[in-house]
């Protein structure tokens, strides 16, 4: 609040760059001294009042012009922010399609698009009530997700948690899952399926190093058609002449 002797001003202004601007001022009287005006006629005071109103209206129009200019600047700010959102995304970390184990016994294989993890462990509760093996002695946890460079933003592809009586059966099941998804880890940057492209796009553009599945074929067809059309044009213009394998981790 900004205070003077005869009035007080309440301001509720706000600026969110590229998004929102607000100018909200409220002036209310406190103890105005109007004695100097009381000796004037009604017409004189009315004339002074109208002149003061016109000054306010002129200032209001100037503020409106400033707000119209702000709209253009704000749109530019938005565009620049979208570009920064795209450019500031760091490349995602990956294992280069090689299996790697961490200190917690979790195995990981990943590339620029996919990540698969698994863990085979012994259930610590399996023999609490019996010395004999139970059906839940061995735990298998695995999942496949997208390896998006957008932090905290990934897509779920597949996964499961299962319990087995013996380790051999657990390993057999796990090896089957690894083989089933091995096709995802033959390229460093496999094509991104259409339903997962949102995890590899920013500000409406595909991130560097990625391509959407199916778009390569469309681009190739377009390129071939362009080449054929160019060849036909050259033929018309030219004068006539006489005819003349990856390894899997050991479990």
C-alpha atoms as a PDB file:
ATOM      1  CA  UNK A   1       0.000   0.000   0.000  1.00  0.00           C
ATOM      2  CA  UNK A   2       1.305   3.446  -0.965  1.00  0.00           C
ATOM      3  CA  UNK A   3      -0.046   6.184   1.323  1.00  0.00           C
ATOM      4  CA  UNK A   4      -0.204   9.960   1.001  1.00  0.00           C
ATOM      5  CA  UNK A   5      -1.760  12.601   3.235  1.00  0.00           C
ATOM      6  CA  UNK A   6      -5.141  12.805   1.553  1.00  0.00           C
ATOM      7  CA  UNK A   7      -5.460   9.424  -0.231  1.00  0.00           C
ATOM      8  CA  UNK A   8      -4.234   5.855  -0.236  1.00  0.00           C
ATOM      9  CA  UNK A   9      -3.356   3.589  -3.167  1.00  0.00           C
ATOM     10  CA  UNK A  10      -3.765  -0.173  -3.093  1.00  0.00           C
ATOM     11  CA  UNK A  11      -1.814  -2.003  -5.825  1.00  0.00           C
ATOM     12  CA  UNK A  12      -2.330  -5.580  -6.925  1.00  0.00           C
ATOM     13  CA  UNK A  13       0.014  -5.791  -9.917  1.00  0.00           C
ATOM     14  CA  UNK A  14       1.527  -8.969 -11.340  1.00  0.00           C
ATOM     15  CA  UNK A  15       3.749 -10.053 -14.204  1.00  0.00           C
ATOM     16  CA  UNK A  16       4.361 -13.659 -15.248  1.00  0.00           C
ATOM     17  CA  UNK A  17       6.682 -13.317 -18.273  1.00  0.00           C
ATOM     18  CA  UNK A  18       5.151 -14.797 -21.403  1.00  0.00           C
ATOM     19  CA  UNK A  19       1.898 -15.573 -19.664  1.00  0.00           C
ATOM     20  CA  UNK A  20       0.070 -13.030 -17.526  1.00  0.00           C
ATOM     21  CA  UNK A  21       0.142  -9.317 -16.766  1.00  0.00           C
ATOM     22  CA  UNK A  22      -2.179  -7.467 -14.415  1.00  0.00           C
ATOM     23  CA  UNK A  23      -2.352  -3.813 -13.400  1.00  0.00           C
ATOM     24  CA  UNK A  24      -4.883  -3.318 -10.635  1.00  0.00           C
ATOM     25  CA  UNK A  25      -4.797  -0.028  -8.707  1.00  0.00           C
ATOM     26  CA  UNK A  26      -7.471   1.214  -6.338  1.00  0.00           C
ATOM     27  CA  UNK A  27      -7.388   4.756  -4.967  1.00  0.00           C
ATOM     28  CA  UNK A  28      -9.642   5.722  -2.083  1.00  0.00           C
ATOM     29  CA  UNK A  29      -9.932   9.098  -0.289  1.00  0.00           C
ATOM     30  CA  UNK A  30      -8.845   9.797   3.254  1.00  0.00           C
ATOM     31  CA  UNK A  31      -9.057  13.506   4.153  1.00  0.00           C
ATOM     32  CA  UNK A  32      -9.184  15.642   1.024  1.00  0.00           C
ATOM     33  CA  UNK A  33      -9.018  19.424   1.520  1.00  0.00           C
ATOM     34  CA  UNK A  34     -11.572  20.819  -0.936  1.00  0.00           C
ATOM     35  CA  UNK A  35     -11.817  24.285   0.595  1.00  0.00           C
ATOM     36  CA  UNK A  36     -10.127  25.985  -2.363  1.00  0.00           C
ATOM     37  CA  UNK A  37     -12.797  24.620  -4.699  1.00  0.00           C
ATOM     38  CA  UNK A  38     -15.817  25.700  -2.741  1.00  0.00           C
ATOM     39  CA  UNK A  39     -15.530  29.337  -3.809  1.00  0.00           C
ATOM     40  CA  UNK A  40     -15.813  28.366  -7.474  1.00  0.00           C
ATOM     41  CA  UNK A  41     -19.011  28.015  -9.450  1.00  0.00           C
ATOM     42  CA  UNK A  42     -20.523  24.684 -10.403  1.00  0.00           C
ATOM     43  CA  UNK A  43     -19.597  25.262 -14.031  1.00  0.00           C
ATOM     44  CA  UNK A  44     -15.942  25.941 -13.139  1.00  0.00           C
ATOM     45  CA  UNK A  45     -15.632  22.833 -10.991  1.00  0.00           C
ATOM     46  CA  UNK A  46     -17.449  20.761 -13.626  1.00  0.00           C
ATOM     47  CA  UNK A  47     -14.979  21.956 -16.254  1.00  0.00           C
ATOM     48  CA  UNK A  48     -11.991  21.050 -14.038  1.00  0.00           C
ATOM     49  CA  UNK A  49     -13.577  17.674 -13.337  1.00  0.00           C
ATOM     50  CA  UNK A  50     -14.055  16.899 -17.041  1.00  0.00           C
ATOM     51  CA  UNK A  51     -10.452  17.902 -17.803  1.00  0.00           C
ATOM     52  CA  UNK A  52      -9.190  15.584 -15.071  1.00  0.00           C
ATOM     53  CA  UNK A  53     -11.298  12.717 -16.415  1.00  0.00           C
ATOM     54  CA  UNK A  54      -9.891  13.277 -19.925  1.00  0.00           C
ATOM     55  CA  UNK A  55      -6.349  13.081 -18.529  1.00  0.00           C
ATOM     56  CA  UNK A  56      -7.202   9.772 -16.882  1.00  0.00           C
ATOM     57  CA  UNK A  57      -8.715   8.442 -20.078  1.00  0.00           C
ATOM     58  CA  UNK A  58      -5.623   9.492 -22.019  1.00  0.00           C
ATOM     59  CA  UNK A  59      -3.407   7.685 -19.516  1.00  0.00           C
ATOM     60  CA  UNK A  60      -5.678   4.626 -19.733  1.00  0.00           C
ATOM     61  CA  UNK A  61      -5.318   4.559 -23.529  1.00  0.00           C
ATOM     62  CA  UNK A  62      -1.535   4.797 -23.156  1.00  0.00           C
ATOM     63  CA  UNK A  63      -1.591   1.837 -20.769  1.00  0.00           C
ATOM     64  CA  UNK A  64      -3.753  -0.132 -23.211  1.00  0.00           C
ATOM     65  CA  UNK A  65      -1.247   0.573 -25.987  1.00  0.00           C
ATOM     66  CA  UNK A  66       1.502  -0.679 -23.708  1.00  0.00           C
ATOM     67  CA  UNK A  67      -0.454  -3.859 -23.032  1.00  0.00           C
ATOM     68  CA  UNK A  68      -0.903  -4.451 -26.759  1.00  0.00           C
ATOM     69  CA  UNK A  69       2.852  -4.163 -27.163  1.00  0.00           C
ATOM     70  CA  UNK A  70       3.289  -6.539 -24.207  1.00  0.00           C
ATOM     71  CA  UNK A  71       1.217  -9.168 -26.023  1.00  0.00           C
ATOM     72  CA  UNK A  72       3.770  -9.304 -28.848  1.00  0.00           C
ATOM     73  CA  UNK A  73       6.698  -9.439 -26.443  1.00  0.00           C
ATOM     74  CA  UNK A  74       4.976 -12.121 -24.375  1.00  0.00           C
ATOM     75  CA  UNK A  75       4.390 -14.269 -27.474  1.00  0.00           C
ATOM     76  CA  UNK A  76       8.096 -14.001 -28.284  1.00  0.00           C
ATOM     77  CA  UNK A  77       8.945 -14.952 -24.688  1.00  0.00           C
ATOM     78  CA  UNK A  78       6.741 -18.040 -25.026  1.00  0.00           C
ATOM     79  CA  UNK A  79       8.458 -19.079 -28.273  1.00  0.00           C
ATOM     80  CA  UNK A  80      11.892 -18.647 -26.720  1.00  0.00           C
ATOM     81  CA  UNK A  81      10.850 -20.651 -23.666  1.00  0.00           C
ATOM     82  CA  UNK A  82       9.634 -23.503 -25.884  1.00  0.00           C
ATOM     83  CA  UNK A  83      12.961 -23.478 -27.714  1.00  0.00           C
ATOM     84  CA  UNK A  84      14.841 -23.578 -24.398  1.00  0.00           C
ATOM     85  CA  UNK A  85      12.657 -26.476 -23.223  1.00  0.00           C
ATOM     86  CA  UNK A  86      13.801 -28.386 -26.305  1.00  0.00           C
ATOM     87  CA  UNK A  87      17.468 -27.389 -26.346  1.00  0.00           C
ATOM     88  CA  UNK A  88      18.104 -27.869 -22.629  1.00  0.00           C
ATOM     89  CA  UNK A  89      17.106 -31.553 -22.558  1.00  0.00           C
ATOM     90  CA  UNK A  90      20.297 -33.521 -21.994  1.00  0.00           C
ATOM     91  CA  UNK A  91      20.960 -36.821 -23.826  1.00  0.00           C
ATOM     92  CA  UNK A  92      19.709 -39.831 -21.903  1.00  0.00           C
ATOM     93  CA  UNK A  93      22.165 -42.203 -20.264  1.00  0.00           C
ATOM     94  CA  UNK A  94      22.176 -45.813 -21.485  1.00  0.00           C
ATOM     95  CA  UNK A  95      24.278 -48.978 -21.461  1.00  0.00           C
ATOM     96  CA  UNK A  96      24.746 -49.217 -25.235  1.00  0.00           C
ATOM     97  CA  UNK A  97      22.673 -52.425 -25.466  1.00  0.00           C
ATOM     98  CA  UNK A  98      24.947 -54.185 -22.977  1.00  0.00           C
ATOM     99  CA  UNK A  99      23.846 -55.780 -19.718  1.00  0.00           C
ATOM    100  CA  UNK A 100      25.124 -54.148 -16.535  1.00  0.00           C
ATOM    101  CA  UNK A 101      24.601 -55.043 -12.858  1.00  0.00           C
ATOM    102  CA  UNK A 102      24.387 -52.510 -10.031  1.00  0.00           C
ATOM    103  CA  UNK A 103      25.293 -52.926  -6.348  1.00  0.00           C
ATOM    104  CA  UNK A 104      21.734 -54.056  -5.528  1.00  0.00           C
ATOM    105  CA  UNK A 105      21.817 -56.946  -7.977  1.00  0.00           C
ATOM    106  CA  UNK A 106      19.586 -55.241 -10.547  1.00  0.00           C
ATOM    107  CA  UNK A 107      20.563 -55.964 -14.155  1.00  0.00           C
ATOM    108  CA  UNK A 108      19.930 -53.317 -16.812  1.00  0.00           C
ATOM    109  CA  UNK A 109      20.181 -53.108 -20.571  1.00  0.00           C
ATOM    110  CA  UNK A 110      19.261 -49.904 -22.378  1.00  0.00           C
ATOM    111  CA  UNK A 111      19.628 -47.748 -25.462  1.00  0.00           C
ATOM    112  CA  UNK A 112      18.297 -44.352 -26.479  1.00  0.00           C
ATOM    113  CA  UNK A 113      14.695 -45.593 -26.588  1.00  0.00           C
ATOM    114  CA  UNK A 114      14.225 -48.618 -24.322  1.00  0.00           C
ATOM    115  CA  UNK A 115      15.368 -49.887 -20.930  1.00  0.00           C
ATOM    116  CA  UNK A 116      14.892 -53.363 -19.491  1.00  0.00           C
ATOM    117  CA  UNK A 117      15.684 -54.288 -15.896  1.00  0.00           C
ATOM    118  CA  UNK A 118      15.407 -57.465 -13.882  1.00  0.00           C
ATOM    119  CA  UNK A 119      16.306 -58.856 -10.482  1.00  0.00           C
ATOM    120  CA  UNK A 120      16.400 -62.462  -9.336  1.00  0.00           C
ATOM    121  CA  UNK A 121      16.462 -62.810  -5.555  1.00  0.00           C
ATOM    122  CA  UNK A 122      15.660 -65.219  -2.791  1.00  0.00           C
ATOM    123  CA  UNK A 123      12.531 -64.442  -0.805  1.00  0.00           C
ATOM    124  CA  UNK A 124      13.689 -63.901   2.799  1.00  0.00           C
ATOM    125  CA  UNK A 125      10.314 -65.106   4.115  1.00  0.00           C
ATOM    126  CA  UNK A 126      10.247 -68.431   2.305  1.00  0.00           C
ATOM    127  CA  UNK A 127      11.323 -70.604   5.282  1.00  0.00           C
ATOM    128  CA  UNK A 128       9.879 -68.735   8.271  1.00  0.00           C
ATOM    129  CA  UNK A 129       7.421 -71.491   9.114  1.00  0.00           C
ATOM    130  CA  UNK A 130       8.916 -74.468   7.343  1.00  0.00           C
ATOM    131  CA  UNK A 131      12.349 -75.815   6.457  1.00  0.00           C
ATOM    132  CA  UNK A 132      10.965 -77.121   3.188  1.00  0.00           C
ATOM    133  CA  UNK A 133      11.015 -74.979   0.036  1.00  0.00           C
ATOM    134  CA  UNK A 134       7.768 -73.160  -0.637  1.00  0.00           C
ATOM    135  CA  UNK A 135       6.376 -71.980  -3.951  1.00  0.00           C
ATOM    136  CA  UNK A 136       7.515 -68.404  -3.344  1.00  0.00           C
ATOM    137  CA  UNK A 137      11.189 -69.006  -2.531  1.00  0.00           C
ATOM    138  CA  UNK A 138      12.585 -67.213  -5.631  1.00  0.00           C
ATOM    139  CA  UNK A 139      11.398 -63.782  -6.729  1.00  0.00           C
ATOM    140  CA  UNK A 140      11.675 -62.535 -10.319  1.00  0.00           C
ATOM    141  CA  UNK A 141      10.991 -58.865 -11.044  1.00  0.00           C
ATOM    142  CA  UNK A 142      11.393 -57.437 -14.536  1.00  0.00           C
ATOM    143  CA  UNK A 143      10.093 -54.559 -16.617  1.00  0.00           C
ATOM    144  CA  UNK A 144      10.597 -52.788 -19.926  1.00  0.00           C
ATOM    145  CA  UNK A 145      10.075 -49.032 -20.135  1.00  0.00           C
ATOM    146  CA  UNK A 146      10.955 -46.233 -22.509  1.00  0.00           C
ATOM    147  CA  UNK A 147      14.300 -44.617 -21.762  1.00  0.00           C
ATOM    148  CA  UNK A 148      13.105 -41.058 -22.256  1.00  0.00           C
ATOM    149  CA  UNK A 149      15.565 -38.168 -21.869  1.00  0.00           C
ATOM    150  CA  UNK A 150      12.728 -36.187 -20.281  1.00  0.00           C
ATOM    151  CA  UNK A 151      13.424 -36.779 -16.587  1.00  0.00           C
ATOM    152  CA  UNK A 152      10.613 -38.525 -14.740  1.00  0.00           C
ATOM    153  CA  UNK A 153       8.664 -39.082 -17.940  1.00  0.00           C
ATOM    154  CA  UNK A 154       8.674 -42.603 -19.329  1.00  0.00           C
ATOM    155  CA  UNK A 155       6.258 -45.081 -20.841  1.00  0.00           C
ATOM    156  CA  UNK A 156       5.545 -48.552 -19.493  1.00  0.00           C
ATOM    157  CA  UNK A 157       5.977 -51.312 -22.080  1.00  0.00           C
ATOM    158  CA  UNK A 158       5.750 -54.553 -20.072  1.00  0.00           C
ATOM    159  CA  UNK A 159       6.710 -56.113 -16.757  1.00  0.00           C
ATOM    160  CA  UNK A 160       5.869 -58.696 -14.143  1.00  0.00           C
ATOM    161  CA  UNK A 161       6.656 -59.991 -10.660  1.00  0.00           C
ATOM    162  CA  UNK A 162       6.599 -63.768 -10.182  1.00  0.00           C
ATOM    163  CA  UNK A 163       7.579 -66.294  -7.517  1.00  0.00           C
ATOM    164  CA  UNK A 164       9.057 -69.738  -8.131  1.00  0.00           C
ATOM    165  CA  UNK A 165       9.846 -72.789  -6.067  1.00  0.00           C
ATOM    166  CA  UNK A 166      13.334 -73.353  -7.468  1.00  0.00           C
ATOM    167  CA  UNK A 167      16.009 -71.168  -9.039  1.00  0.00           C
ATOM    168  CA  UNK A 168      16.252 -73.162 -12.273  1.00  0.00           C
ATOM    169  CA  UNK A 169      12.590 -72.545 -13.093  1.00  0.00           C
ATOM    170  CA  UNK A 170      12.957 -68.876 -12.220  1.00  0.00           C
ATOM    171  CA  UNK A 171      16.006 -68.540 -14.490  1.00  0.00           C
ATOM    172  CA  UNK A 172      14.241 -70.335 -17.336  1.00  0.00           C
ATOM    173  CA  UNK A 173      11.295 -67.955 -17.113  1.00  0.00           C
ATOM    174  CA  UNK A 174      13.586 -64.932 -16.933  1.00  0.00           C
ATOM    175  CA  UNK A 175      15.676 -66.025 -19.918  1.00  0.00           C
ATOM    176  CA  UNK A 176      12.473 -66.364 -21.901  1.00  0.00           C
ATOM    177  CA  UNK A 177      11.539 -62.762 -21.089  1.00  0.00           C
ATOM    178  CA  UNK A 178      15.003 -61.553 -22.072  1.00  0.00           C
ATOM    179  CA  UNK A 179      14.792 -63.327 -25.436  1.00  0.00           C
ATOM    180  CA  UNK A 180      11.269 -62.006 -26.027  1.00  0.00           C
ATOM    181  CA  UNK A 181      12.419 -58.380 -25.775  1.00  0.00           C
ATOM    182  CA  UNK A 182      15.930 -58.758 -27.200  1.00  0.00           C
ATOM    183  CA  UNK A 183      14.665 -57.296 -30.492  1.00  0.00           C
ATOM    184  CA  UNK A 184      14.373 -53.908 -28.789  1.00  0.00           C
ATOM    185  CA  UNK A 185      18.100 -53.827 -28.091  1.00  0.00           C
ATOM    186  CA  UNK A 186      19.681 -54.412 -31.487  1.00  0.00           C
ATOM    187  CA  UNK A 187      20.007 -50.710 -32.405  1.00  0.00           C
ATOM    188  CA  UNK A 188      21.382 -47.808 -30.436  1.00  0.00           C
ATOM    189  CA  UNK A 189      18.391 -45.672 -31.456  1.00  0.00           C
ATOM    190  CA  UNK A 190      15.520 -47.886 -32.652  1.00  0.00           C
ATOM    191  CA  UNK A 191      12.466 -46.204 -34.175  1.00  0.00           C
ATOM    192  CA  UNK A 192      10.010 -44.852 -31.611  1.00  0.00           C
ATOM    193  CA  UNK A 193       6.511 -46.365 -31.847  1.00  0.00           C
ATOM    194  CA  UNK A 194       3.739 -43.868 -32.508  1.00  0.00           C
ATOM    195  CA  UNK A 195       2.104 -44.484 -29.115  1.00  0.00           C
ATOM    196  CA  UNK A 196       5.351 -43.650 -27.273  1.00  0.00           C
ATOM    197  CA  UNK A 197       6.436 -40.607 -29.297  1.00  0.00           C
ATOM    198  CA  UNK A 198       5.219 -38.170 -26.624  1.00  0.00           C
ATOM    199  CA  UNK A 199       8.121 -39.287 -24.417  1.00  0.00           C
ATOM    200  CA  UNK A 200      10.634 -38.277 -27.092  1.00  0.00           C
ATOM    201  CA  UNK A 201       9.121 -34.980 -28.197  1.00  0.00           C
ATOM    202  CA  UNK A 202       9.326 -31.503 -26.748  1.00  0.00           C
ATOM    203  CA  UNK A 203       7.539 -28.357 -27.871  1.00  0.00           C
ATOM    204  CA  UNK A 204       5.987 -30.303 -30.744  1.00  0.00           C
ATOM    205  CA  UNK A 205       9.318 -31.498 -32.184  1.00  0.00           C
ATOM    206  CA  UNK A 206      11.083 -34.865 -32.074  1.00  0.00           C
ATOM    207  CA  UNK A 207      14.258 -34.723 -29.993  1.00  0.00           C
ATOM    208  CA  UNK A 208      17.676 -35.030 -31.707  1.00  0.00           C
ATOM    209  CA  UNK A 209      18.739 -38.590 -32.494  1.00  0.00           C
ATOM    210  CA  UNK A 210      15.204 -40.040 -32.635  1.00  0.00           C
ATOM    211  CA  UNK A 211      12.809 -40.997 -35.400  1.00  0.00           C
ATOM    212  CA  UNK A 212       9.164 -42.007 -35.331  1.00  0.00           C
ATOM    213  CA  UNK A 213       8.331 -45.514 -36.511  1.00  0.00           C
ATOM    214  CA  UNK A 214       6.860 -45.489 -40.023  1.00  0.00           C
ATOM    215  CA  UNK A 215       8.049 -42.009 -40.917  1.00  0.00           C
ATOM    216  CA  UNK A 216      11.272 -43.389 -42.413  1.00  0.00           C
ATOM    217  CA  UNK A 217       9.284 -45.311 -45.039  1.00  0.00           C
ATOM    218  CA  UNK A 218       7.239 -42.232 -45.903  1.00  0.00           C
ATOM    219  CA  UNK A 219      10.398 -40.151 -46.246  1.00  0.00           C
ATOM    220  CA  UNK A 220      12.050 -42.821 -48.367  1.00  0.00           C
ATOM    221  CA  UNK A 221       9.015 -43.046 -50.686  1.00  0.00           C
ATOM    222  CA  UNK A 222       8.960 -39.266 -51.038  1.00  0.00           C
ATOM    223  CA  UNK A 223      12.674 -39.245 -51.812  1.00  0.00           C
ATOM    224  CA  UNK A 224      12.291 -41.962 -54.480  1.00  0.00           C
ATOM    225  CA  UNK A 225       9.358 -40.130 -56.111  1.00  0.00           C
ATOM    226  CA  UNK A 226      11.367 -36.919 -56.176  1.00  0.00           C
ATOM    227  CA  UNK A 227      14.270 -38.724 -57.806  1.00  0.00           C
ATOM    228  CA  UNK A 228      11.988 -40.275 -60.449  1.00  0.00           C
ATOM    229  CA  UNK A 229      10.355 -36.929 -61.218  1.00  0.00           C
ATOM    230  CA  UNK A 230      13.751 -35.270 -61.509  1.00  0.00           C
ATOM    231  CA  UNK A 231      14.993 -38.034 -63.831  1.00  0.00           C
ATOM    232  CA  UNK A 232      11.926 -37.648 -66.065  1.00  0.00           C
ATOM    233  CA  UNK A 233      12.453 -33.901 -66.234  1.00  0.00           C
ATOM    234  CA  UNK A 234      16.070 -34.378 -67.224  1.00  0.00           C
ATOM    235  CA  UNK A 235      15.077 -36.888 -69.930  1.00  0.00           C
ATOM    236  CA  UNK A 236      12.594 -34.435 -71.437  1.00  0.00           C
ATOM    237  CA  UNK A 237      15.125 -31.619 -71.381  1.00  0.00           C
ATOM    238  CA  UNK A 238      18.022 -33.670 -72.794  1.00  0.00           C
ATOM    239  CA  UNK A 239      18.476 -34.005 -76.627  1.00  0.00           C
ATOM    240  CA  UNK A 240      17.734 -37.367 -78.176  1.00  0.00           C
ATOM    241  CA  UNK A 241      20.791 -39.619 -78.567  1.00  0.00           C
ATOM    242  CA  UNK A 242      21.347 -43.008 -80.205  1.00  0.00           C
ATOM    243  CA  UNK A 243      20.393 -45.802 -77.889  1.00  0.00           C
ATOM    244  CA  UNK A 244      23.363 -47.747 -76.267  1.00  0.00           C
ATOM    245  CA  UNK A 245      24.759 -61.516 -32.611  1.00  0.00           C
ATOM    246  CA  UNK A 246      24.389 -59.852 -28.848  1.00  0.00           C
ATOM    247  CA  UNK A 247      25.164 -61.982 -25.770  1.00  0.00           C
ATOM    248  CA  UNK A 248      22.839 -62.368 -22.730  1.00  0.00           C
ATOM    249  CA  UNK A 249      23.973 -62.148 -19.049  1.00  0.00           C
ATOM    250  CA  UNK A 250      24.687 -65.387 -17.270  1.00  0.00           C
ATOM    251  CA  UNK A 251      22.105 -66.185 -14.631  1.00  0.00           C
END
